[in-house]
């Protein structure tokens, strides 16, 4: 399995809009076992995304899906940058 945890920095006041976009555009992603979007409890302009995939290849392929492409295009104007990014190798747990 392949895991990814990343921080997305959002323009002030746009975090909830970006969260809604990300959640709308990620319904059907083959090979995705878990996709979690979370508010940063300290930074009002940050979002954390935690993903678990069957493989890194399926994660890369998901970026070409129409729904994902649409979500990226709609959220892009509000994304001001990216913070920490961690790749992991999930081995098990709930929901996997």
PDB file of N, CA and C in Angstrom:
ATOM      1  N   UNK A   1       0.834  -1.183   0.000  1.00  0.00           N
ATOM      2  CA  UNK A   1       0.000   0.000   0.000  1.00  0.00           C
ATOM      3  C   UNK A   1       0.879   1.246   0.000  1.00  0.00           C
ATOM      4  N   UNK A   2       0.258   2.354  -0.344  1.00  0.00           N
ATOM      5  CA  UNK A   2       0.935   3.635  -0.424  1.00  0.00           C
ATOM      6  C   UNK A   2       0.127   4.654   0.373  1.00  0.00           C
ATOM      7  N   UNK A   3       0.800   5.435   1.201  1.00  0.00           N
ATOM      8  CA  UNK A   3       0.143   6.466   1.980  1.00  0.00           C
ATOM      9  C   UNK A   3       0.738   7.830   1.720  1.00  0.00           C
ATOM     10  N   UNK A   4      -0.093   8.827   1.860  1.00  0.00           N
ATOM     11  CA  UNK A   4       0.345  10.197   1.650  1.00  0.00           C
ATOM     12  C   UNK A   4      -0.377  11.094   2.651  1.00  0.00           C
ATOM     13  N   UNK A   5       0.383  11.933   3.338  1.00  0.00           N
ATOM     14  CA  UNK A   5      -0.173  12.918   4.267  1.00  0.00           C
ATOM     15  C   UNK A   5       0.408  14.258   3.842  1.00  0.00           C
ATOM     16  N   UNK A   6      -0.458  15.212   3.534  1.00  0.00           N
ATOM     17  CA  UNK A   6       0.039  16.496   3.057  1.00  0.00           C
ATOM     18  C   UNK A   6      -0.766  17.670   3.572  1.00  0.00           C
ATOM     19  N   UNK A   7      -0.076  18.789   3.716  1.00  0.00           N
ATOM     20  CA  UNK A   7      -0.693  20.024   4.173  1.00  0.00           C
ATOM     21  C   UNK A   7      -0.868  20.964   2.989  1.00  0.00           C
ATOM     22  N   UNK A   8      -2.067  21.519   2.864  1.00  0.00           N
ATOM     23  CA  UNK A   8      -2.372  22.459   1.802  1.00  0.00           C
ATOM     24  C   UNK A   8      -2.675  23.807   2.452  1.00  0.00           C
ATOM     25  N   UNK A   9      -2.018  24.850   1.989  1.00  0.00           N
ATOM     26  CA  UNK A   9      -2.248  26.195   2.510  1.00  0.00           C
ATOM     27  C   UNK A   9      -3.284  26.892   1.624  1.00  0.00           C
ATOM     28  N   UNK A  10      -4.263  27.529   2.263  1.00  0.00           N
ATOM     29  CA  UNK A  10      -5.408  28.085   1.574  1.00  0.00           C
ATOM     30  C   UNK A  10      -5.488  29.594   1.814  1.00  0.00           C
ATOM     31  N   UNK A  11      -5.988  30.324   0.822  1.00  0.00           N
ATOM     32  CA  UNK A  11      -6.182  31.769   0.968  1.00  0.00           C
ATOM     33  C   UNK A  11      -7.107  32.049   2.153  1.00  0.00           C
ATOM     34  N   UNK A  12      -6.859  33.130   2.879  1.00  0.00           N
ATOM     35  CA  UNK A  12      -7.692  33.454   4.044  1.00  0.00           C
ATOM     36  C   UNK A  12      -9.187  33.460   3.703  1.00  0.00           C
ATOM     37  N   UNK A  13      -9.957  32.800   4.568  1.00  0.00           N
ATOM     38  CA  UNK A  13     -11.397  32.766   4.409  1.00  0.00           C
ATOM     39  C   UNK A  13     -11.929  31.771   3.394  1.00  0.00           C
ATOM     40  N   UNK A  14     -11.059  31.003   2.753  1.00  0.00           N
ATOM     41  CA  UNK A  14     -11.489  30.089   1.698  1.00  0.00           C
ATOM     42  C   UNK A  14     -11.374  28.618   2.075  1.00  0.00           C
ATOM     43  N   UNK A  15     -10.985  28.322   3.300  1.00  0.00           N
ATOM     44  CA  UNK A  15     -10.734  26.935   3.683  1.00  0.00           C
ATOM     45  C   UNK A  15     -11.969  26.054   3.521  1.00  0.00           C
ATOM     46  N   UNK A  16     -13.122  26.489   4.011  1.00  0.00           N
ATOM     47  CA  UNK A  16     -14.318  25.644   3.912  1.00  0.00           C
ATOM     48  C   UNK A  16     -14.723  25.418   2.463  1.00  0.00           C
ATOM     49  N   UNK A  17     -14.535  26.412   1.613  1.00  0.00           N
ATOM     50  CA  UNK A  17     -14.847  26.251   0.183  1.00  0.00           C
ATOM     51  C   UNK A  17     -13.946  25.201  -0.448  1.00  0.00           C
ATOM     52  N   UNK A  18     -12.673  25.231  -0.114  1.00  0.00           N
ATOM     53  CA  UNK A  18     -11.729  24.250  -0.668  1.00  0.00           C
ATOM     54  C   UNK A  18     -12.052  22.859  -0.135  1.00  0.00           C
ATOM     55  N   UNK A  19     -12.369  22.748   1.127  1.00  0.00           N
ATOM     56  CA  UNK A  19     -12.741  21.445   1.691  1.00  0.00           C
ATOM     57  C   UNK A  19     -13.938  20.875   0.936  1.00  0.00           C
ATOM     58  N   UNK A  20     -14.944  21.689   0.696  1.00  0.00           N
ATOM     59  CA  UNK A  20     -16.131  21.227  -0.032  1.00  0.00           C
ATOM     60  C   UNK A  20     -15.762  20.754  -1.432  1.00  0.00           C
ATOM     61  N   UNK A  21     -14.914  21.493  -2.111  1.00  0.00           N
ATOM     62  CA  UNK A  21     -14.478  21.113  -3.467  1.00  0.00           C
ATOM     63  C   UNK A  21     -13.742  19.781  -3.428  1.00  0.00           C
ATOM     64  N   UNK A  22     -12.822  19.637  -2.491  1.00  0.00           N
ATOM     65  CA  UNK A  22     -12.038  18.400  -2.398  1.00  0.00           C
ATOM     66  C   UNK A  22     -12.925  17.197  -2.104  1.00  0.00           C
ATOM     67  N   UNK A  23     -13.911  17.365  -1.266  1.00  0.00           N
ATOM     68  CA  UNK A  23     -14.788  16.249  -0.919  1.00  0.00           C
ATOM     69  C   UNK A  23     -15.748  15.901  -2.054  1.00  0.00           C
ATOM     70  N   UNK A  24     -16.172  16.887  -2.833  1.00  0.00           N
ATOM     71  CA  UNK A  24     -17.060  16.639  -3.974  1.00  0.00           C
ATOM     72  C   UNK A  24     -16.345  15.877  -5.081  1.00  0.00           C
ATOM     73  N   UNK A  25     -15.091  16.196  -5.319  1.00  0.00           N
ATOM     74  CA  UNK A  25     -14.378  15.679  -6.480  1.00  0.00           C
ATOM     75  C   UNK A  25     -13.648  14.370  -6.265  1.00  0.00           C
ATOM     76  N   UNK A  26     -13.868  13.731  -5.134  1.00  0.00           N
ATOM     77  CA  UNK A  26     -13.070  12.545  -4.840  1.00  0.00           C
ATOM     78  C   UNK A  26     -13.921  11.332  -4.491  1.00  0.00           C
ATOM     79  N   UNK A  27     -15.114  11.263  -5.037  1.00  0.00           N
ATOM     80  CA  UNK A  27     -16.004  10.161  -4.711  1.00  0.00           C
ATOM     81  C   UNK A  27     -15.546   8.807  -5.228  1.00  0.00           C
ATOM     82  N   UNK A  28     -15.234   8.705  -6.491  1.00  0.00           N
ATOM     83  CA  UNK A  28     -14.846   7.436  -7.106  1.00  0.00           C
ATOM     84  C   UNK A  28     -13.395   7.497  -7.552  1.00  0.00           C
ATOM     85  N   UNK A  29     -12.529   6.895  -6.753  1.00  0.00           N
ATOM     86  CA  UNK A  29     -11.110   6.851  -7.096  1.00  0.00           C
ATOM     87  C   UNK A  29     -10.647   5.406  -6.934  1.00  0.00           C
ATOM     88  N   UNK A  30     -10.556   4.656  -8.037  1.00  0.00           N
ATOM     89  CA  UNK A  30     -10.155   3.244  -7.957  1.00  0.00           C
ATOM     90  C   UNK A  30      -8.827   3.061  -7.217  1.00  0.00           C
ATOM     91  N   UNK A  31      -8.816   2.140  -6.269  1.00  0.00           N
ATOM     92  CA  UNK A  31      -7.607   1.848  -5.510  1.00  0.00           C
ATOM     93  C   UNK A  31      -7.439   2.684  -4.262  1.00  0.00           C
ATOM     94  N   UNK A  32      -8.340   3.640  -4.038  1.00  0.00           N
ATOM     95  CA  UNK A  32      -8.254   4.490  -2.847  1.00  0.00           C
ATOM     96  C   UNK A  32      -8.974   3.803  -1.699  1.00  0.00           C
ATOM     97  N   UNK A  33      -8.249   3.521  -0.643  1.00  0.00           N
ATOM     98  CA  UNK A  33      -8.828   2.879   0.538  1.00  0.00           C
ATOM     99  C   UNK A  33      -9.299   3.895   1.562  1.00  0.00           C
ATOM    100  N   UNK A  34      -8.680   5.067   1.562  1.00  0.00           N
ATOM    101  CA  UNK A  34      -9.048   6.098   2.528  1.00  0.00           C
ATOM    102  C   UNK A  34      -8.607   7.455   2.002  1.00  0.00           C
ATOM    103  N   UNK A  35      -9.500   8.435   2.101  1.00  0.00           N
ATOM    104  CA  UNK A  35      -9.206   9.808   1.692  1.00  0.00           C
ATOM    105  C   UNK A  35      -9.851  10.713   2.730  1.00  0.00           C
ATOM    106  N   UNK A  36      -9.045  11.320   3.566  1.00  0.00           N
ATOM    107  CA  UNK A  36      -9.538  12.127   4.679  1.00  0.00           C
ATOM    108  C   UNK A  36      -9.072  13.574   4.494  1.00  0.00           C
ATOM    109  N   UNK A  37     -10.015  14.494   4.556  1.00  0.00           N
ATOM    110  CA  UNK A  37      -9.717  15.925   4.504  1.00  0.00           C
ATOM    111  C   UNK A  37     -10.004  16.477   5.894  1.00  0.00           C
ATOM    112  N   UNK A  38      -9.033  17.198   6.470  1.00  0.00           N
ATOM    113  CA  UNK A  38      -9.188  17.685   7.841  1.00  0.00           C
ATOM    114  C   UNK A  38      -8.739  19.138   7.962  1.00  0.00           C
ATOM    115  N   UNK A  39      -9.424  19.870   8.822  1.00  0.00           N
ATOM    116  CA  UNK A  39      -9.001  21.236   9.156  1.00  0.00           C
ATOM    117  C   UNK A  39      -7.798  21.160  10.085  1.00  0.00           C
ATOM    118  N   UNK A  40      -6.851  22.068   9.899  1.00  0.00           N
ATOM    119  CA  UNK A  40      -5.764  22.215  10.861  1.00  0.00           C
ATOM    120  C   UNK A  40      -6.342  22.945  12.072  1.00  0.00           C
ATOM    121  N   UNK A  41      -6.201  22.398  13.278  1.00  0.00           N
ATOM    122  CA  UNK A  41      -6.807  23.032  14.450  1.00  0.00           C
ATOM    123  C   UNK A  41      -6.108  24.314  14.904  1.00  0.00           C
ATOM    124  N   UNK A  42      -4.908  24.563  14.384  1.00  0.00           N
ATOM    125  CA  UNK A  42      -4.145  25.738  14.800  1.00  0.00           C
ATOM    126  C   UNK A  42      -4.102  26.802  13.706  1.00  0.00           C
ATOM    127  N   UNK A  43      -3.972  26.388  12.470  1.00  0.00           N
ATOM    128  CA  UNK A  43      -3.847  27.299  11.329  1.00  0.00           C
ATOM    129  C   UNK A  43      -5.184  27.360  10.590  1.00  0.00           C
ATOM    130  N   UNK A  44      -5.881  28.479  10.684  1.00  0.00           N
ATOM    131  CA  UNK A  44      -7.204  28.633  10.067  1.00  0.00           C
ATOM    132  C   UNK A  44      -7.164  28.616   8.544  1.00  0.00           C
ATOM    133  N   UNK A  45      -5.978  28.655   7.972  1.00  0.00           N
ATOM    134  CA  UNK A  45      -5.843  28.669   6.520  1.00  0.00           C
ATOM    135  C   UNK A  45      -5.118  27.426   6.014  1.00  0.00           C
ATOM    136  N   UNK A  46      -5.279  26.311   6.712  1.00  0.00           N
ATOM    137  CA  UNK A  46      -4.596  25.083   6.302  1.00  0.00           C
ATOM    138  C   UNK A  46      -5.541  23.886   6.357  1.00  0.00           C
ATOM    139  N   UNK A  47      -5.291  22.957   5.440  1.00  0.00           N
ATOM    140  CA  UNK A  47      -6.036  21.709   5.339  1.00  0.00           C
ATOM    141  C   UNK A  47      -5.017  20.580   5.273  1.00  0.00           C
ATOM    142  N   UNK A  48      -5.313  19.481   5.951  1.00  0.00           N
ATOM    143  CA  UNK A  48      -4.491  18.268   5.875  1.00  0.00           C
ATOM    144  C   UNK A  48      -5.261  17.213   5.093  1.00  0.00           C
ATOM    145  N   UNK A  49      -4.580  16.520   4.206  1.00  0.00           N
ATOM    146  CA  UNK A  49      -5.184  15.431   3.443  1.00  0.00           C
ATOM    147  C   UNK A  49      -4.388  14.170   3.730  1.00  0.00           C
ATOM    148  N   UNK A  50      -5.091  13.131   4.157  1.00  0.00           N
ATOM    149  CA  UNK A  50      -4.473  11.847   4.468  1.00  0.00           C
ATOM    150  C   UNK A  50      -5.075  10.807   3.538  1.00  0.00           C
ATOM    151  N   UNK A  51      -4.219  10.116   2.788  1.00  0.00           N
ATOM    152  CA  UNK A  51      -4.687   9.167   1.780  1.00  0.00           C
ATOM    153  C   UNK A  51      -4.016   7.813   1.959  1.00  0.00           C
ATOM    154  N   UNK A  52      -4.761   6.743   1.673  1.00  0.00           N
ATOM    155  CA  UNK A  52      -4.207   5.394   1.615  1.00  0.00           C
ATOM    156  C   UNK A  52      -4.671   4.770   0.300  1.00  0.00           C
ATOM    157  N   UNK A  53      -3.714   4.250  -0.449  1.00  0.00           N
ATOM    158  CA  UNK A  53      -3.961   3.680  -1.775  1.00  0.00           C
ATOM    159  C   UNK A  53      -3.418   2.259  -1.846  1.00  0.00           C
ATOM    160  N   UNK A  54      -3.976   1.480  -2.758  1.00  0.00           N
ATOM    161  CA  UNK A  54      -3.444   0.139  -2.998  1.00  0.00           C
ATOM    162  C   UNK A  54      -2.007   0.203  -3.521  1.00  0.00           C
ATOM    163  N   UNK A  55      -1.677   1.293  -4.254  1.00  0.00           N
ATOM    164  CA  UNK A  55      -0.314   1.447  -4.776  1.00  0.00           C
ATOM    165  C   UNK A  55      -0.063   2.910  -5.134  1.00  0.00           C
ATOM    166  N   UNK A  56       1.205   3.267  -5.247  1.00  0.00           N
ATOM    167  CA  UNK A  56       1.577   4.618  -5.667  1.00  0.00           C
ATOM    168  C   UNK A  56       1.114   4.874  -7.099  1.00  0.00           C
ATOM    169  N   UNK A  57       1.110   3.831  -7.920  1.00  0.00           N
ATOM    170  CA  UNK A  57       0.694   3.971  -9.317  1.00  0.00           C
ATOM    171  C   UNK A  57      -0.781   4.362  -9.407  1.00  0.00           C
ATOM    172  N   UNK A  58      -1.622   3.742  -8.572  1.00  0.00           N
ATOM    173  CA  UNK A  58      -3.045   4.090  -8.577  1.00  0.00           C
ATOM    174  C   UNK A  58      -3.263   5.511  -8.073  1.00  0.00           C
ATOM    175  N   UNK A  59      -2.449   5.949  -7.124  1.00  0.00           N
ATOM    176  CA  UNK A  59      -2.538   7.341  -6.679  1.00  0.00           C
ATOM    177  C   UNK A  59      -2.214   8.281  -7.831  1.00  0.00           C
ATOM    178  N   UNK A  60      -1.116   8.014  -8.532  1.00  0.00           N
ATOM    179  CA  UNK A  60      -0.747   8.859  -9.677  1.00  0.00           C
ATOM    180  C   UNK A  60      -1.840   8.859 -10.735  1.00  0.00           C
ATOM    181  N   UNK A  61      -2.404   7.693 -11.024  1.00  0.00           N
ATOM    182  CA  UNK A  61      -3.450   7.584 -12.036  1.00  0.00           C
ATOM    183  C   UNK A  61      -4.692   8.379 -11.644  1.00  0.00           C
ATOM    184  N   UNK A  62      -4.957   8.483 -10.351  1.00  0.00           N
ATOM    185  CA  UNK A  62      -6.156   9.200  -9.898  1.00  0.00           C
ATOM    186  C   UNK A  62      -6.105  10.672 -10.291  1.00  0.00           C
ATOM    187  N   UNK A  63      -4.920  11.211 -10.432  1.00  0.00           N
ATOM    188  CA  UNK A  63      -4.787  12.630 -10.764  1.00  0.00           C
ATOM    189  C   UNK A  63      -5.317  12.949 -12.156  1.00  0.00           C
ATOM    190  N   UNK A  64      -5.499  11.932 -12.996  1.00  0.00           N
ATOM    191  CA  UNK A  64      -6.025  12.128 -14.350  1.00  0.00           C
ATOM    192  C   UNK A  64      -7.537  11.913 -14.430  1.00  0.00           C
ATOM    193  N   UNK A  65      -8.170  11.474 -13.351  1.00  0.00           N
ATOM    194  CA  UNK A  65      -9.613  11.240 -13.367  1.00  0.00           C
ATOM    195  C   UNK A  65     -10.362  12.562 -13.547  1.00  0.00           C
ATOM    196  N   UNK A  66     -11.430  12.576 -14.349  1.00  0.00           N
ATOM    197  CA  UNK A  66     -12.170  13.822 -14.593  1.00  0.00           C
ATOM    198  C   UNK A  66     -12.632  14.523 -13.312  1.00  0.00           C
ATOM    199  N   UNK A  67     -13.164  13.791 -12.352  1.00  0.00           N
ATOM    200  CA  UNK A  67     -13.626  14.415 -11.115  1.00  0.00           C
ATOM    201  C   UNK A  67     -12.502  15.047 -10.321  1.00  0.00           C
ATOM    202  N   UNK A  68     -11.359  14.385 -10.313  1.00  0.00           N
ATOM    203  CA  UNK A  68     -10.193  14.913  -9.599  1.00  0.00           C
ATOM    204  C   UNK A  68      -9.651  16.131 -10.338  1.00  0.00           C
ATOM    205  N   UNK A  69      -9.567  16.058 -11.660  1.00  0.00           N
ATOM    206  CA  UNK A  69      -9.100  17.199 -12.455  1.00  0.00           C
ATOM    207  C   UNK A  69      -9.993  18.421 -12.231  1.00  0.00           C
ATOM    208  N   UNK A  70     -11.310  18.198 -12.195  1.00  0.00           N
ATOM    209  CA  UNK A  70     -12.248  19.289 -11.972  1.00  0.00           C
ATOM    210  C   UNK A  70     -12.047  19.900 -10.584  1.00  0.00           C
ATOM    211  N   UNK A  71     -11.880  19.049  -9.570  1.00  0.00           N
ATOM    212  CA  UNK A  71     -11.664  19.550  -8.208  1.00  0.00           C
ATOM    213  C   UNK A  71     -10.375  20.362  -8.122  1.00  0.00           C
ATOM    214  N   UNK A  72      -9.327  19.880  -8.763  1.00  0.00           N
ATOM    215  CA  UNK A  72      -8.045  20.607  -8.756  1.00  0.00           C
ATOM    216  C   UNK A  72      -8.222  21.976  -9.414  1.00  0.00           C
ATOM    217  N   UNK A  73      -8.878  22.007 -10.558  1.00  0.00           N
ATOM    218  CA  UNK A  73      -9.076  23.272 -11.278  1.00  0.00           C
ATOM    219  C   UNK A  73      -9.901  24.263 -10.461  1.00  0.00           C
ATOM    220  N   UNK A  74     -10.934  23.777  -9.785  1.00  0.00           N
ATOM    221  CA  UNK A  74     -11.792  24.659  -8.998  1.00  0.00           C
ATOM    222  C   UNK A  74     -11.108  25.147  -7.725  1.00  0.00           C
ATOM    223  N   UNK A  75     -10.280  24.318  -7.118  1.00  0.00           N
ATOM    224  CA  UNK A  75      -9.614  24.694  -5.867  1.00  0.00           C
ATOM    225  C   UNK A  75      -8.345  25.518  -6.095  1.00  0.00           C
ATOM    226  N   UNK A  76      -7.709  25.331  -7.244  1.00  0.00           N
ATOM    227  CA  UNK A  76      -6.407  25.972  -7.507  1.00  0.00           C
ATOM    228  C   UNK A  76      -6.365  27.470  -7.190  1.00  0.00           C
ATOM    229  N   UNK A  77      -7.388  28.281  -7.550  1.00  0.00           N
ATOM    230  CA  UNK A  77      -7.292  29.727  -7.257  1.00  0.00           C
ATOM    231  C   UNK A  77      -7.172  30.052  -5.771  1.00  0.00           C
ATOM    232  N   UNK A  78      -7.576  29.120  -4.905  1.00  0.00           N
ATOM    233  CA  UNK A  78      -7.566  29.367  -3.468  1.00  0.00           C
ATOM    234  C   UNK A  78      -6.371  28.740  -2.752  1.00  0.00           C
ATOM    235  N   UNK A  79      -5.604  27.929  -3.466  1.00  0.00           N
ATOM    236  CA  UNK A  79      -4.449  27.260  -2.862  1.00  0.00           C
ATOM    237  C   UNK A  79      -3.247  28.195  -2.952  1.00  0.00           C
ATOM    238  N   UNK A  80      -2.666  28.509  -1.809  1.00  0.00           N
ATOM    239  CA  UNK A  80      -1.524  29.429  -1.785  1.00  0.00           C
ATOM    240  C   UNK A  80      -0.188  28.698  -1.693  1.00  0.00           C
ATOM    241  N   UNK A  81      -0.236  27.402  -1.482  1.00  0.00           N
ATOM    242  CA  UNK A  81       1.006  26.633  -1.400  1.00  0.00           C
ATOM    243  C   UNK A  81       0.780  25.324  -0.668  1.00  0.00           C
ATOM    244  N   UNK A  82       1.882  24.614  -0.497  1.00  0.00           N
ATOM    245  CA  UNK A  82       1.826  23.320   0.173  1.00  0.00           C
ATOM    246  C   UNK A  82       2.867  23.298   1.282  1.00  0.00           C
ATOM    247  N   UNK A  83       2.496  22.692   2.393  1.00  0.00           N
ATOM    248  CA  UNK A  83       3.398  22.575   3.529  1.00  0.00           C
ATOM    249  C   UNK A  83       4.043  21.208   3.551  1.00  0.00           C
ATOM    250  N   UNK A  84       4.088  20.634   4.727  1.00  0.00           N
ATOM    251  CA  UNK A  84       4.725  19.330   4.895  1.00  0.00           C
ATOM    252  C   UNK A  84       4.029  18.280   4.029  1.00  0.00           C
ATOM    253  N   UNK A  85       4.842  17.296   3.613  1.00  0.00           N
ATOM    254  CA  UNK A  85       4.326  16.186   2.809  1.00  0.00           C
ATOM    255  C   UNK A  85       5.091  14.936   3.225  1.00  0.00           C
ATOM    256  N   UNK A  86       4.335  13.902   3.575  1.00  0.00           N
ATOM    257  CA  UNK A  86       4.941  12.663   4.041  1.00  0.00           C
ATOM    258  C   UNK A  86       4.382  11.491   3.248  1.00  0.00           C
ATOM    259  N   UNK A  87       5.260  10.641   2.747  1.00  0.00           N
ATOM    260  CA  UNK A  87       4.848   9.402   2.115  1.00  0.00           C
ATOM    261  C   UNK A  87       5.026   8.289   3.138  1.00  0.00           C
ATOM    262  N   UNK A  88       4.060   7.362   3.174  1.00  0.00           N
ATOM    263  CA  UNK A  88       4.115   6.266   4.134  1.00  0.00           C
ATOM    264  C   UNK A  88       3.830   4.939   3.432  1.00  0.00           C
ATOM    265  N   UNK A  89       4.057   3.855   4.141  1.00  0.00           N
ATOM    266  CA  UNK A  89       3.735   2.512   3.662  1.00  0.00           C
ATOM    267  C   UNK A  89       2.777   1.874   4.664  1.00  0.00           C
ATOM    268  N   UNK A  90       1.467   2.122   4.512  1.00  0.00           N
ATOM    269  CA  UNK A  90       0.500   1.550   5.452  1.00  0.00           C
ATOM    270  C   UNK A  90       0.583   0.026   5.482  1.00  0.00           C
ATOM    271  N   UNK A  91       0.414  -0.528   6.678  1.00  0.00           N
ATOM    272  CA  UNK A  91       0.472  -1.990   6.836  1.00  0.00           C
ATOM    273  C   UNK A  91      -0.836  -2.568   7.363  1.00  0.00           C
ATOM    274  N   UNK A  92      -1.753  -1.735   7.803  1.00  0.00           N
ATOM    275  CA  UNK A  92      -3.035  -2.214   8.286  1.00  0.00           C
ATOM    276  C   UNK A  92      -3.698  -1.214   9.188  1.00  0.00           C
ATOM    277  N   UNK A  93      -4.885  -1.570   9.638  1.00  0.00           N
ATOM    278  CA  UNK A  93      -5.641  -0.699  10.519  1.00  0.00           C
ATOM    279  C   UNK A  93      -7.105  -0.711  10.150  1.00  0.00           C
ATOM    280  N   UNK A  94      -7.903   0.050  10.851  1.00  0.00           N
ATOM    281  CA  UNK A  94      -9.334   0.121  10.578  1.00  0.00           C
ATOM    282  C   UNK A  94      -9.594   0.759   9.230  1.00  0.00           C
ATOM    283  N   UNK A  95     -10.568   0.234   8.530  1.00  0.00           N
ATOM    284  CA  UNK A  95     -10.978   0.818   7.264  1.00  0.00           C
ATOM    285  C   UNK A  95     -10.086   0.463   6.102  1.00  0.00           C
ATOM    286  N   UNK A  96      -9.057  -0.321   6.322  1.00  0.00           N
ATOM    287  CA  UNK A  96      -8.178  -0.686   5.215  1.00  0.00           C
ATOM    288  C   UNK A  96      -8.527  -2.078   4.764  1.00  0.00           C
TER     289      UNK A  96
END
